[in-house]
PDB file of N, CA and C in Angstrom:
ATOM      1  N   MET A   1      -1.843 -22.153  -7.179  1.00  0.00           N
ATOM      2  CA  MET A   1      -1.991 -20.921  -7.902  1.00  0.00           C
ATOM      3  C   MET A   1      -1.129 -19.865  -7.222  1.00  0.00           C
ATOM      4  N   LEU A   2      -0.483 -19.045  -8.030  1.00  0.00           N
ATOM      5  CA  LEU A   2       0.353 -17.980  -7.517  1.00  0.00           C
ATOM      6  C   LEU A   2      -0.011 -16.704  -8.243  1.00  0.00           C
ATOM      7  N   ARG A   3      -0.316 -15.656  -7.498  1.00  0.00           N
ATOM      8  CA  ARG A   3      -0.627 -14.344  -8.050  1.00  0.00           C
ATOM      9  C   ARG A   3       0.310 -13.340  -7.416  1.00  0.00           C
ATOM     10  N   LEU A   4       0.867 -12.465  -8.242  1.00  0.00           N
ATOM     11  CA  LEU A   4       1.761 -11.434  -7.742  1.00  0.00           C
ATOM     12  C   LEU A   4       1.302 -10.075  -8.223  1.00  0.00           C
ATOM     13  N   ALA A   5       1.536  -9.060  -7.409  1.00  0.00           N
ATOM     14  CA  ALA A   5       1.292  -7.692  -7.844  1.00  0.00           C
ATOM     15  C   ALA A   5       2.263  -7.387  -8.984  1.00  0.00           C
ATOM     16  N   VAL A   6       1.938  -6.388  -9.785  1.00  0.00           N
ATOM     17  CA  VAL A   6       2.748  -6.078 -10.962  1.00  0.00           C
ATOM     18  C   VAL A   6       4.218  -5.900 -10.585  1.00  0.00           C
ATOM     19  N   GLU A   7       4.524  -5.052  -9.635  1.00  0.00           N
ATOM     20  CA  GLU A   7       5.909  -4.872  -9.196  1.00  0.00           C
ATOM     21  C   GLU A   7       6.092  -5.405  -7.769  1.00  0.00           C
ATOM     22  N   GLU A   8       5.310  -4.860  -6.869  1.00  0.00           N
ATOM     23  CA  GLU A   8       5.385  -5.230  -5.460  1.00  0.00           C
ATOM     24  C   GLU A   8       3.979  -5.148  -4.881  1.00  0.00           C
ATOM     25  N   ALA A   9       3.750  -5.849  -3.803  1.00  0.00           N
ATOM     26  CA  ALA A   9       2.428  -5.831  -3.163  1.00  0.00           C
ATOM     27  C   ALA A   9       2.041  -4.424  -2.728  1.00  0.00           C
ATOM     28  N   GLU A  10       3.003  -3.583  -2.485  1.00  0.00           N
ATOM     29  CA  GLU A  10       2.716  -2.205  -2.081  1.00  0.00           C
ATOM     30  C   GLU A  10       1.871  -1.461  -3.110  1.00  0.00           C
ATOM     31  N   SER A  11       1.976  -1.849  -4.377  1.00  0.00           N
ATOM     32  CA  SER A  11       1.151  -1.162  -5.385  1.00  0.00           C
ATOM     33  C   SER A  11      -0.333  -1.379  -5.104  1.00  0.00           C
ATOM     34  N   TRP A  12      -0.701  -2.543  -4.588  1.00  0.00           N
ATOM     35  CA  TRP A  12      -2.100  -2.814  -4.254  1.00  0.00           C
ATOM     36  C   TRP A  12      -2.554  -1.970  -3.070  1.00  0.00           C
ATOM     37  N   LEU A  13      -1.673  -1.694  -2.142  1.00  0.00           N
ATOM     38  CA  LEU A  13      -2.028  -0.853  -1.000  1.00  0.00           C
ATOM     39  C   LEU A  13      -2.230   0.592  -1.437  1.00  0.00           C
ATOM     40  N   LEU A  14      -1.351   1.074  -2.290  1.00  0.00           N
ATOM     41  CA  LEU A  14      -1.455   2.440  -2.801  1.00  0.00           C
ATOM     42  C   LEU A  14      -2.697   2.646  -3.658  1.00  0.00           C
ATOM     43  N   ALA A  15      -3.240   1.571  -4.193  1.00  0.00           N
ATOM     44  CA  ALA A  15      -4.405   1.674  -5.075  1.00  0.00           C
ATOM     45  C   ALA A  15      -5.640   2.176  -4.335  1.00  0.00           C
ATOM     46  N   ASP A  16      -5.681   2.022  -3.028  1.00  0.00           N
ATOM     47  CA  ASP A  16      -6.747   2.649  -2.232  1.00  0.00           C
ATOM     48  C   ASP A  16      -6.232   4.028  -1.846  1.00  0.00           C
ATOM     49  N   LYS A  17      -6.303   4.946  -2.802  1.00  0.00           N
ATOM     50  CA  LYS A  17      -5.728   6.286  -2.624  1.00  0.00           C
ATOM     51  C   LYS A  17      -6.258   6.999  -1.399  1.00  0.00           C
ATOM     52  N   SER A  18      -7.576   7.069  -1.272  1.00  0.00           N
ATOM     53  CA  SER A  18      -8.150   7.838  -0.164  1.00  0.00           C
ATOM     54  C   SER A  18      -7.840   7.173   1.178  1.00  0.00           C
ATOM     55  N   GLY A  19      -7.910   5.847   1.226  1.00  0.00           N
ATOM     56  CA  GLY A  19      -7.585   5.144   2.457  1.00  0.00           C
ATOM     57  C   GLY A  19      -6.139   5.348   2.859  1.00  0.00           C
ATOM     58  N   PHE A  20      -5.243   5.286   1.870  1.00  0.00           N
ATOM     59  CA  PHE A  20      -3.826   5.436   2.177  1.00  0.00           C
ATOM     60  C   PHE A  20      -3.505   6.869   2.587  1.00  0.00           C
ATOM     61  N   ALA A  21      -4.109   7.832   1.898  1.00  0.00           N
ATOM     62  CA  ALA A  21      -3.895   9.238   2.254  1.00  0.00           C
ATOM     63  C   ALA A  21      -4.390   9.510   3.674  1.00  0.00           C
ATOM     64  N   ASP A  22      -5.565   8.993   4.013  1.00  0.00           N
ATOM     65  CA  ASP A  22      -6.095   9.167   5.371  1.00  0.00           C
ATOM     66  C   ASP A  22      -5.192   8.490   6.397  1.00  0.00           C
ATOM     67  N   PHE A  23      -4.756   7.286   6.091  1.00  0.00           N
ATOM     68  CA  PHE A  23      -3.905   6.534   7.008  1.00  0.00           C
ATOM     69  C   PHE A  23      -2.630   7.304   7.344  1.00  0.00           C
ATOM     70  N   LEU A  24      -2.001   7.881   6.319  1.00  0.00           N
ATOM     71  CA  LEU A  24      -0.754   8.614   6.538  1.00  0.00           C
ATOM     72  C   LEU A  24      -0.971  10.080   6.901  1.00  0.00           C
ATOM     73  N   ALA A  25      -2.218  10.559   6.785  1.00  0.00           N
ATOM     74  CA  ALA A  25      -2.521  11.977   7.014  1.00  0.00           C
ATOM     75  C   ALA A  25      -1.724  12.858   6.061  1.00  0.00           C
ATOM     76  N   ILE A  26      -1.839  12.530   4.773  1.00  0.00           N
ATOM     77  CA  ILE A  26      -1.196  13.313   3.714  1.00  0.00           C
ATOM     78  C   ILE A  26      -2.282  13.726   2.716  1.00  0.00           C
ATOM     79  N   PRO A  27      -2.024  14.737   1.898  1.00  0.00           N
ATOM     80  CA  PRO A  27      -3.014  15.136   0.897  1.00  0.00           C
ATOM     81  C   PRO A  27      -3.268  14.012  -0.116  1.00  0.00           C
ATOM     82  N   LEU A  28      -4.507  13.850  -0.512  1.00  0.00           N
ATOM     83  CA  LEU A  28      -4.898  12.823  -1.466  1.00  0.00           C
ATOM     84  C   LEU A  28      -4.111  12.915  -2.770  1.00  0.00           C
ATOM     85  N   ASN A  29      -3.834  14.122  -3.221  1.00  0.00           N
ATOM     86  CA  ASN A  29      -3.133  14.289  -4.505  1.00  0.00           C
ATOM     87  C   ASN A  29      -1.671  13.843  -4.469  1.00  0.00           C
ATOM     88  N   LYS A  30      -1.158  13.499  -3.297  1.00  0.00           N
ATOM     89  CA  LYS A  30       0.224  12.992  -3.189  1.00  0.00           C
ATOM     90  C   LYS A  30       0.313  11.495  -3.498  1.00  0.00           C
ATOM     91  N   VAL A  31      -0.819  10.793  -3.414  1.00  0.00           N
ATOM     92  CA  VAL A  31      -0.829   9.349  -3.677  1.00  0.00           C
ATOM     93  C   VAL A  31      -0.993   9.144  -5.179  1.00  0.00           C
ATOM     94  N   PRO A  32      -0.098   8.399  -5.824  1.00  0.00           N
ATOM     95  CA  PRO A  32      -0.149   8.226  -7.280  1.00  0.00           C
ATOM     96  C   PRO A  32      -1.455   7.578  -7.756  1.00  0.00           C
ATOM     97  N   ALA A  33      -1.907   8.019  -8.915  1.00  0.00           N
ATOM     98  CA  ALA A  33      -3.178   7.534  -9.477  1.00  0.00           C
ATOM     99  C   ALA A  33      -3.063   6.144 -10.087  1.00  0.00           C
ATOM    100  N   HIS A  34      -1.903   5.771 -10.578  1.00  0.00           N
ATOM    101  CA  HIS A  34      -1.722   4.493 -11.278  1.00  0.00           C
ATOM    102  C   HIS A  34      -0.603   3.690 -10.611  1.00  0.00           C
ATOM    103  N   PRO A  35      -0.893   3.086  -9.475  1.00  0.00           N
ATOM    104  CA  PRO A  35       0.166   2.411  -8.718  1.00  0.00           C
ATOM    105  C   PRO A  35       0.788   1.211  -9.432  1.00  0.00           C
ATOM    106  N   ASP A  36       0.028   0.542 -10.315  1.00  0.00           N
ATOM    107  CA  ASP A  36       0.599  -0.600 -11.031  1.00  0.00           C
ATOM    108  C   ASP A  36       1.726  -0.175 -11.972  1.00  0.00           C
ATOM    109  N   ALA A  37       1.758   1.094 -12.336  1.00  0.00           N
ATOM    110  CA  ALA A  37       2.783   1.592 -13.260  1.00  0.00           C
ATOM    111  C   ALA A  37       4.042   2.077 -12.542  1.00  0.00           C
ATOM    112  N   LEU A  38       4.016   2.105 -11.231  1.00  0.00           N
ATOM    113  CA  LEU A  38       5.186   2.588 -10.485  1.00  0.00           C
ATOM    114  C   LEU A  38       6.342   1.603 -10.585  1.00  0.00           C
ATOM    115  N   PRO A  39       7.557   2.093 -10.828  1.00  0.00           N
ATOM    116  CA  PRO A  39       8.703   1.194 -10.898  1.00  0.00           C
ATOM    117  C   PRO A  39       9.115   0.637  -9.531  1.00  0.00           C
ATOM    118  N   ASN A  40       8.806   1.390  -8.452  1.00  0.00           N
ATOM    119  CA  ASN A  40       9.210   0.966  -7.113  1.00  0.00           C
ATOM    120  C   ASN A  40       8.164   1.437  -6.091  1.00  0.00           C
ATOM    121  N   PRO A  41       7.044   0.709  -5.974  1.00  0.00           N
ATOM    122  CA  PRO A  41       5.992   1.122  -5.040  1.00  0.00           C
ATOM    123  C   PRO A  41       6.446   1.221  -3.585  1.00  0.00           C
ATOM    124  N   LYS A  42       7.361   0.359  -3.177  1.00  0.00           N
ATOM    125  CA  LYS A  42       7.851   0.430  -1.798  1.00  0.00           C
ATOM    126  C   LYS A  42       8.532   1.772  -1.556  1.00  0.00           C
ATOM    127  N   GLN A  43       9.325   2.236  -2.503  1.00  0.00           N
ATOM    128  CA  GLN A  43       9.990   3.529  -2.356  1.00  0.00           C
ATOM    129  C   GLN A  43       8.962   4.652  -2.303  1.00  0.00           C
ATOM    130  N   THR A  44       7.895   4.513  -3.085  1.00  0.00           N
ATOM    131  CA  THR A  44       6.821   5.510  -3.049  1.00  0.00           C
ATOM    132  C   THR A  44       6.197   5.564  -1.660  1.00  0.00           C
ATOM    133  N   ILE A  45       5.941   4.410  -1.070  1.00  0.00           N
ATOM    134  CA  ILE A  45       5.370   4.382   0.277  1.00  0.00           C
ATOM    135  C   ILE A  45       6.329   5.015   1.281  1.00  0.00           C
ATOM    136  N   LEU A  46       7.610   4.728   1.162  1.00  0.00           N
ATOM    137  CA  LEU A  46       8.583   5.327   2.077  1.00  0.00           C
ATOM    138  C   LEU A  46       8.606   6.846   1.938  1.00  0.00           C
ATOM    139  N   THR A  47       8.555   7.323   0.716  1.00  0.00           N
ATOM    140  CA  THR A  47       8.534   8.772   0.466  1.00  0.00           C
ATOM    141  C   THR A  47       7.286   9.400   1.072  1.00  0.00           C
ATOM    142  N   LEU A  48       6.141   8.755   0.872  1.00  0.00           N
ATOM    143  CA  LEU A  48       4.885   9.273   1.422  1.00  0.00           C
ATOM    144  C   LEU A  48       4.886   9.207   2.947  1.00  0.00           C
ATOM    145  N   ALA A  49       5.366   8.114   3.505  1.00  0.00           N
ATOM    146  CA  ALA A  49       5.413   7.972   4.961  1.00  0.00           C
ATOM    147  C   ALA A  49       6.310   9.038   5.584  1.00  0.00           C
ATOM    148  N   ASN A  50       7.358   9.382   4.889  1.00  0.00           N
ATOM    149  CA  ASN A  50       8.275  10.404   5.390  1.00  0.00           C
ATOM    150  C   ASN A  50       7.611  11.784   5.436  1.00  0.00           C
ATOM    151  N   LYS A  51       6.525  11.954   4.683  1.00  0.00           N
ATOM    152  CA  LYS A  51       5.778  13.215   4.670  1.00  0.00           C
ATOM    153  C   LYS A  51       4.561  13.171   5.592  1.00  0.00           C
ATOM    154  N   SER A  52       4.364  12.050   6.270  1.00  0.00           N
ATOM    155  CA  SER A  52       3.186  11.874   7.121  1.00  0.00           C
ATOM    156  C   SER A  52       3.158  12.901   8.244  1.00  0.00           C
ATOM    157  N   LYS A  53       1.941  13.355   8.554  1.00  0.00           N
ATOM    158  CA  LYS A  53       1.741  14.240   9.698  1.00  0.00           C
ATOM    159  C   LYS A  53       1.701  13.437  10.995  1.00  0.00           C
ATOM    160  N   LYS A  54       1.631  12.127  10.872  1.00  0.00           N
ATOM    161  CA  LYS A  54       1.631  11.261  12.044  1.00  0.00           C
ATOM    162  C   LYS A  54       3.074  10.890  12.370  1.00  0.00           C
ATOM    163  N   ARG A  55       3.588  11.488  13.389  1.00  0.00           N
ATOM    164  CA  ARG A  55       4.994  11.332  13.766  1.00  0.00           C
ATOM    165  C   ARG A  55       5.393   9.865  13.956  1.00  0.00           C
ATOM    166  N   LEU A  56       4.516   9.081  14.592  1.00  0.00           N
ATOM    167  CA  LEU A  56       4.820   7.674  14.848  1.00  0.00           C
ATOM    168  C   LEU A  56       5.040   6.920  13.540  1.00  0.00           C
ATOM    169  N   LEU A  57       4.180   7.153  12.557  1.00  0.00           N
ATOM    170  CA  LEU A  57       4.336   6.469  11.268  1.00  0.00           C
ATOM    171  C   LEU A  57       5.637   6.884  10.595  1.00  0.00           C
ATOM    172  N   LYS A  58       5.897   8.160  10.576  1.00  0.00           N
ATOM    173  CA  LYS A  58       7.132   8.669   9.962  1.00  0.00           C
ATOM    174  C   LYS A  58       8.359   8.061  10.641  1.00  0.00           C
ATOM    175  N   ASP A  59       8.348   8.046  11.958  1.00  0.00           N
ATOM    176  CA  ASP A  59       9.507   7.561  12.707  1.00  0.00           C
ATOM    177  C   ASP A  59       9.715   6.055  12.589  1.00  0.00           C
ATOM    178  N   GLU A  60       8.624   5.293  12.501  1.00  0.00           N
ATOM    179  CA  GLU A  60       8.763   3.839  12.519  1.00  0.00           C
ATOM    180  C   GLU A  60       8.761   3.190  11.136  1.00  0.00           C
ATOM    181  N   MET A  61       8.122   3.809  10.159  1.00  0.00           N
ATOM    182  CA  MET A  61       8.068   3.197   8.828  1.00  0.00           C
ATOM    183  C   MET A  61       9.324   3.466   8.008  1.00  0.00           C
ATOM    184  N   VAL A  62       9.983   4.578   8.274  1.00  0.00           N
ATOM    185  CA  VAL A  62      11.170   4.977   7.515  1.00  0.00           C
ATOM    186  C   VAL A  62      12.393   4.885   8.416  1.00  0.00           C
ATOM    187  N   SER A  63      13.446   4.290   7.887  1.00  0.00           N
ATOM    188  CA  SER A  63      14.679   4.152   8.667  1.00  0.00           C
ATOM    189  C   SER A  63      15.218   5.529   9.046  1.00  0.00           C
ATOM    190  N   PRO A  64      15.622   5.699  10.293  1.00  0.00           N
ATOM    191  CA  PRO A  64      16.209   6.980  10.693  1.00  0.00           C
ATOM    192  C   PRO A  64      17.606   7.193  10.091  1.00  0.00           C
ATOM    193  N   PHE A  65      18.193   6.130   9.594  1.00  0.00           N
ATOM    194  CA  PHE A  65      19.552   6.201   9.057  1.00  0.00           C
ATOM    195  C   PHE A  65      19.585   6.386   7.551  1.00  0.00           C
ATOM    196  N   ASP A  66      18.555   5.923   6.874  1.00  0.00           N
ATOM    197  CA  ASP A  66      18.500   5.986   5.419  1.00  0.00           C
ATOM    198  C   ASP A  66      17.038   6.100   5.000  1.00  0.00           C
ATOM    199  N   LYS A  67      16.635   7.254   4.517  1.00  0.00           N
ATOM    200  CA  LYS A  67      15.234   7.523   4.150  1.00  0.00           C
ATOM    201  C   LYS A  67      14.748   6.642   3.001  1.00  0.00           C
ATOM    202  N   ASN A  68      15.650   5.938   2.352  1.00  0.00           N
ATOM    203  CA  ASN A  68      15.282   5.044   1.253  1.00  0.00           C
ATOM    204  C   ASN A  68      15.071   3.602   1.712  1.00  0.00           C
ATOM    205  N   ARG A  69      15.166   3.380   3.014  1.00  0.00           N
ATOM    206  CA  ARG A  69      15.004   2.023   3.557  1.00  0.00           C
ATOM    207  C   ARG A  69      13.855   2.018   4.564  1.00  0.00           C
ATOM    208  N   GLN A  70      13.223   0.863   4.658  1.00  0.00           N
ATOM    209  CA  GLN A  70      12.119   0.752   5.602  1.00  0.00           C
ATOM    210  C   GLN A  70      12.625   0.697   7.032  1.00  0.00           C
ATOM    211  N   GLY A  71      11.826   1.257   7.926  1.00  0.00           N
ATOM    212  CA  GLY A  71      12.148   1.233   9.337  1.00  0.00           C
ATOM    213  C   GLY A  71      11.596  -0.020  10.000  1.00  0.00           C
ATOM    214  N   SER A  72      11.833  -0.141  11.278  1.00  0.00           N
ATOM    215  CA  SER A  72      11.450  -1.348  12.008  1.00  0.00           C
ATOM    216  C   SER A  72       9.936  -1.541  12.086  1.00  0.00           C
ATOM    217  N   GLY A  73       9.155  -0.484  11.943  1.00  0.00           N
ATOM    218  CA  GLY A  73       7.704  -0.601  12.036  1.00  0.00           C
ATOM    219  C   GLY A  73       6.982  -0.640  10.705  1.00  0.00           C
ATOM    220  N   TYR A  74       7.725  -0.717   9.610  1.00  0.00           N
ATOM    221  CA  TYR A  74       7.126  -0.683   8.268  1.00  0.00           C
ATOM    222  C   TYR A  74       6.054  -1.755   8.096  1.00  0.00           C
ATOM    223  N   ASN A  75       6.406  -2.995   8.323  1.00  0.00           N
ATOM    224  CA  ASN A  75       5.451  -4.088   8.131  1.00  0.00           C
ATOM    225  C   ASN A  75       4.308  -4.042   9.143  1.00  0.00           C
ATOM    226  N   THR A  76       4.601  -3.676  10.365  1.00  0.00           N
ATOM    227  CA  THR A  76       3.566  -3.591  11.403  1.00  0.00           C
ATOM    228  C   THR A  76       2.498  -2.580  11.020  1.00  0.00           C
ATOM    229  N   HIS A  77       2.920  -1.407  10.589  1.00  0.00           N
ATOM    230  CA  HIS A  77       1.955  -0.357  10.247  1.00  0.00           C
ATOM    231  C   HIS A  77       1.202  -0.675   8.962  1.00  0.00           C
ATOM    232  N   LEU A  78       1.872  -1.263   7.975  1.00  0.00           N
ATOM    233  CA  LEU A  78       1.158  -1.629   6.747  1.00  0.00           C
ATOM    234  C   LEU A  78       0.174  -2.766   7.003  1.00  0.00           C
ATOM    235  N   THR A  79       0.521  -3.676   7.891  1.00  0.00           N
ATOM    236  CA  THR A  79      -0.417  -4.740   8.267  1.00  0.00           C
ATOM    237  C   THR A  79      -1.655  -4.135   8.920  1.00  0.00           C
ATOM    238  N   ARG A  80      -1.463  -3.155   9.777  1.00  0.00           N
ATOM    239  CA  ARG A  80      -2.583  -2.477  10.426  1.00  0.00           C
ATOM    240  C   ARG A  80      -3.431  -1.739   9.397  1.00  0.00           C
ATOM    241  N   PHE A  81      -2.767  -1.101   8.415  1.00  0.00           N
ATOM    242  CA  PHE A  81      -3.514  -0.427   7.348  1.00  0.00           C
ATOM    243  C   PHE A  81      -4.403  -1.428   6.619  1.00  0.00           C
ATOM    244  N   VAL A  82      -3.853  -2.554   6.230  1.00  0.00           N
ATOM    245  CA  VAL A  82      -4.625  -3.566   5.496  1.00  0.00           C
ATOM    246  C   VAL A  82      -5.788  -4.073   6.351  1.00  0.00           C
ATOM    247  N   ARG A  83      -5.524  -4.387   7.571  1.00  0.00           N
ATOM    248  CA  ARG A  83      -6.544  -4.953   8.463  1.00  0.00           C
ATOM    249  C   ARG A  83      -7.657  -3.957   8.790  1.00  0.00           C
ATOM    250  N   ASP A  84      -7.292  -2.701   9.048  1.00  0.00           N
ATOM    251  CA  ASP A  84      -8.254  -1.741   9.590  1.00  0.00           C
ATOM    252  C   ASP A  84      -8.754  -0.682   8.612  1.00  0.00           C
ATOM    253  N   HIS A  85      -8.040  -0.466   7.517  1.00  0.00           N
ATOM    254  CA  HIS A  85      -8.374   0.683   6.670  1.00  0.00           C
ATOM    255  C   HIS A  85      -8.518   0.368   5.180  1.00  0.00           C
ATOM    256  N   TRP A  86      -7.807  -0.605   4.694  1.00  0.00           N
ATOM    257  CA  TRP A  86      -7.716  -0.846   3.247  1.00  0.00           C
ATOM    258  C   TRP A  86      -9.069  -1.269   2.685  1.00  0.00           C
ATOM    259  N   ASN A  87      -9.478  -0.601   1.615  1.00  0.00           N
ATOM    260  CA  ASN A  87     -10.715  -0.940   0.909  1.00  0.00           C
ATOM    261  C   ASN A  87     -10.313  -1.676  -0.369  1.00  0.00           C
ATOM    262  N   VAL A  88     -10.380  -2.995  -0.335  1.00  0.00           N
ATOM    263  CA  VAL A  88      -9.900  -3.808  -1.450  1.00  0.00           C
ATOM    264  C   VAL A  88     -10.709  -3.546  -2.723  1.00  0.00           C
ATOM    265  N   GLU A  89     -12.002  -3.295  -2.594  1.00  0.00           N
ATOM    266  CA  GLU A  89     -12.830  -3.031  -3.773  1.00  0.00           C
ATOM    267  C   GLU A  89     -12.419  -1.719  -4.440  1.00  0.00           C
ATOM    268  N   LEU A  90     -12.215  -0.703  -3.640  1.00  0.00           N
ATOM    269  CA  LEU A  90     -11.760   0.577  -4.177  1.00  0.00           C
ATOM    270  C   LEU A  90     -10.371   0.430  -4.789  1.00  0.00           C
ATOM    271  N   ALA A  91      -9.509  -0.304  -4.106  1.00  0.00           N
ATOM    272  CA  ALA A  91      -8.156  -0.524  -4.618  1.00  0.00           C
ATOM    273  C   ALA A  91      -8.188  -1.254  -5.961  1.00  0.00           C
ATOM    274  N   ALA A  92      -9.068  -2.239  -6.091  1.00  0.00           N
ATOM    275  CA  ALA A  92      -9.161  -3.005  -7.343  1.00  0.00           C
ATOM    276  C   ALA A  92      -9.606  -2.119  -8.506  1.00  0.00           C
ATOM    277  N   SER A  93     -10.352  -1.064  -8.213  1.00  0.00           N
ATOM    278  CA  SER A  93     -10.786  -0.163  -9.286  1.00  0.00           C
ATOM    279  C   SER A  93      -9.632   0.689  -9.820  1.00  0.00           C
ATOM    280  N   SER A  94      -8.536   0.780  -9.064  1.00  0.00           N
ATOM    281  CA  SER A  94      -7.357   1.545  -9.491  1.00  0.00           C
ATOM    282  C   SER A  94      -6.161   0.672  -9.836  1.00  0.00           C
ATOM    283  N   SER A  95      -6.302  -0.631  -9.636  1.00  0.00           N
ATOM    284  CA  SER A  95      -5.195  -1.554  -9.881  1.00  0.00           C
ATOM    285  C   SER A  95      -5.676  -2.726 -10.733  1.00  0.00           C
ATOM    286  N   PRO A  96      -5.392  -2.694 -12.032  1.00  0.00           N
ATOM    287  CA  PRO A  96      -5.808  -3.811 -12.884  1.00  0.00           C
ATOM    288  C   PRO A  96      -5.262  -5.159 -12.413  1.00  0.00           C
ATOM    289  N   SER A  97      -4.048  -5.181 -11.880  1.00  0.00           N
ATOM    290  CA  SER A  97      -3.493  -6.465 -11.427  1.00  0.00           C
ATOM    291  C   SER A  97      -4.263  -7.003 -10.218  1.00  0.00           C
ATOM    292  N   LEU A  98      -4.674  -6.130  -9.321  1.00  0.00           N
ATOM    293  CA  LEU A  98      -5.477  -6.547  -8.178  1.00  0.00           C
ATOM    294  C   LEU A  98      -6.872  -6.974  -8.640  1.00  0.00           C
ATOM    295  N   ALA A  99      -7.436  -6.248  -9.580  1.00  0.00           N
ATOM    296  CA  ALA A  99      -8.757  -6.606 -10.107  1.00  0.00           C
ATOM    297  C   ALA A  99      -8.740  -8.002 -10.731  1.00  0.00           C
ATOM    298  N   ARG A 100      -7.647  -8.366 -11.378  1.00  0.00           N
ATOM    299  CA  ARG A 100      -7.526  -9.705 -11.960  1.00  0.00           C
ATOM    300  C   ARG A 100      -7.325 -10.774 -10.890  1.00  0.00           C
ATOM    301  N   ALA A 101      -6.644 -10.427  -9.822  1.00  0.00           N
ATOM    302  CA  ALA A 101      -6.337 -11.399  -8.776  1.00  0.00           C
ATOM    303  C   ALA A 101      -7.522 -11.678  -7.848  1.00  0.00           C
ATOM    304  N   LEU A 102      -8.346 -10.684  -7.598  1.00  0.00           N
ATOM    305  CA  LEU A 102      -9.431 -10.844  -6.627  1.00  0.00           C
ATOM    306  C   LEU A 102     -10.361 -12.014  -6.906  1.00  0.00           C
ATOM    307  N   PRO A 103     -10.855 -12.193  -8.125  1.00  0.00           N
ATOM    308  CA  PRO A 103     -11.762 -13.330  -8.351  1.00  0.00           C
ATOM    309  C   PRO A 103     -11.083 -14.674  -8.069  1.00  0.00           C
ATOM    310  N   ARG A 104      -9.815 -14.763  -8.346  1.00  0.00           N
ATOM    311  CA  ARG A 104      -9.082 -16.022  -8.107  1.00  0.00           C
ATOM    312  C   ARG A 104      -8.927 -16.278  -6.609  1.00  0.00           C
ATOM    313  N   VAL A 105      -8.617 -15.232  -5.861  1.00  0.00           N
ATOM    314  CA  VAL A 105      -8.465 -15.372  -4.415  1.00  0.00           C
ATOM    315  C   VAL A 105      -9.816 -15.740  -3.793  1.00  0.00           C
ATOM    316  N   ARG A 106     -10.864 -15.092  -4.248  1.00  0.00           N
ATOM    317  CA  ARG A 106     -12.198 -15.393  -3.726  1.00  0.00           C
ATOM    318  C   ARG A 106     -12.601 -16.834  -4.062  1.00  0.00           C
ATOM    319  N   ALA A 107     -12.254 -17.293  -5.253  1.00  0.00           N
ATOM    320  CA  ALA A 107     -12.578 -18.665  -5.633  1.00  0.00           C
ATOM    321  C   ALA A 107     -11.852 -19.655  -4.731  1.00  0.00           C
ATOM    322  N   LEU A 108     -10.621 -19.354  -4.382  1.00  0.00           N
ATOM    323  CA  LEU A 108      -9.856 -20.211  -3.474  1.00  0.00           C
ATOM    324  C   LEU A 108     -10.500 -20.252  -2.094  1.00  0.00           C
ATOM    325  N   SER A 109     -10.907 -19.092  -1.586  1.00  0.00           N
ATOM    326  CA  SER A 109     -11.486 -19.067  -0.236  1.00  0.00           C
ATOM    327  C   SER A 109     -12.876 -19.698  -0.226  1.00  0.00           C
ATOM    328  N   ALA A 110     -13.603 -19.646  -1.329  1.00  0.00           N
ATOM    329  CA  ALA A 110     -14.926 -20.270  -1.410  1.00  0.00           C
ATOM    330  C   ALA A 110     -14.813 -21.809  -1.430  1.00  0.00           C
ATOM    331  N   GLY A 111     -13.704 -22.292  -1.949  1.00  0.00           N
ATOM    332  CA  GLY A 111     -13.497 -23.728  -2.033  1.00  0.00           C
ATOM    333  C   GLY A 111     -13.000 -24.357  -0.753  1.00  0.00           C
ATOM    334  N   SER A 112     -12.638 -23.530   0.233  1.00  0.00           N
ATOM    335  CA  SER A 112     -12.095 -24.109   1.476  1.00  0.00           C
ATOM    336  C   SER A 112     -13.123 -24.207   2.560  1.00  0.00           C
TER     337      SER A 112
END
């Protein structure tokens, strides 16, 4: 079985608006309400990270040479967000694609 986010996996991360806003220390209203509809969720994350009040996140998630490219710490910090902060249930309530995928993923893990 293969399940993919509508555009990119980043849309599922953005779907936990409050968690993502807290993680980046940005205002909640800056995180888009409908992440599955974004044409480029990764670019949205880079834009938001560049506005972060947390200097380390801004410096490591966004390339210092090109603000449209991910920095060397992009995956490390997003992995930490998923592990320590991401609320998958809340995210599924804002992401129809994630809501459809969750029961399938749970069924796979229940069978192992």
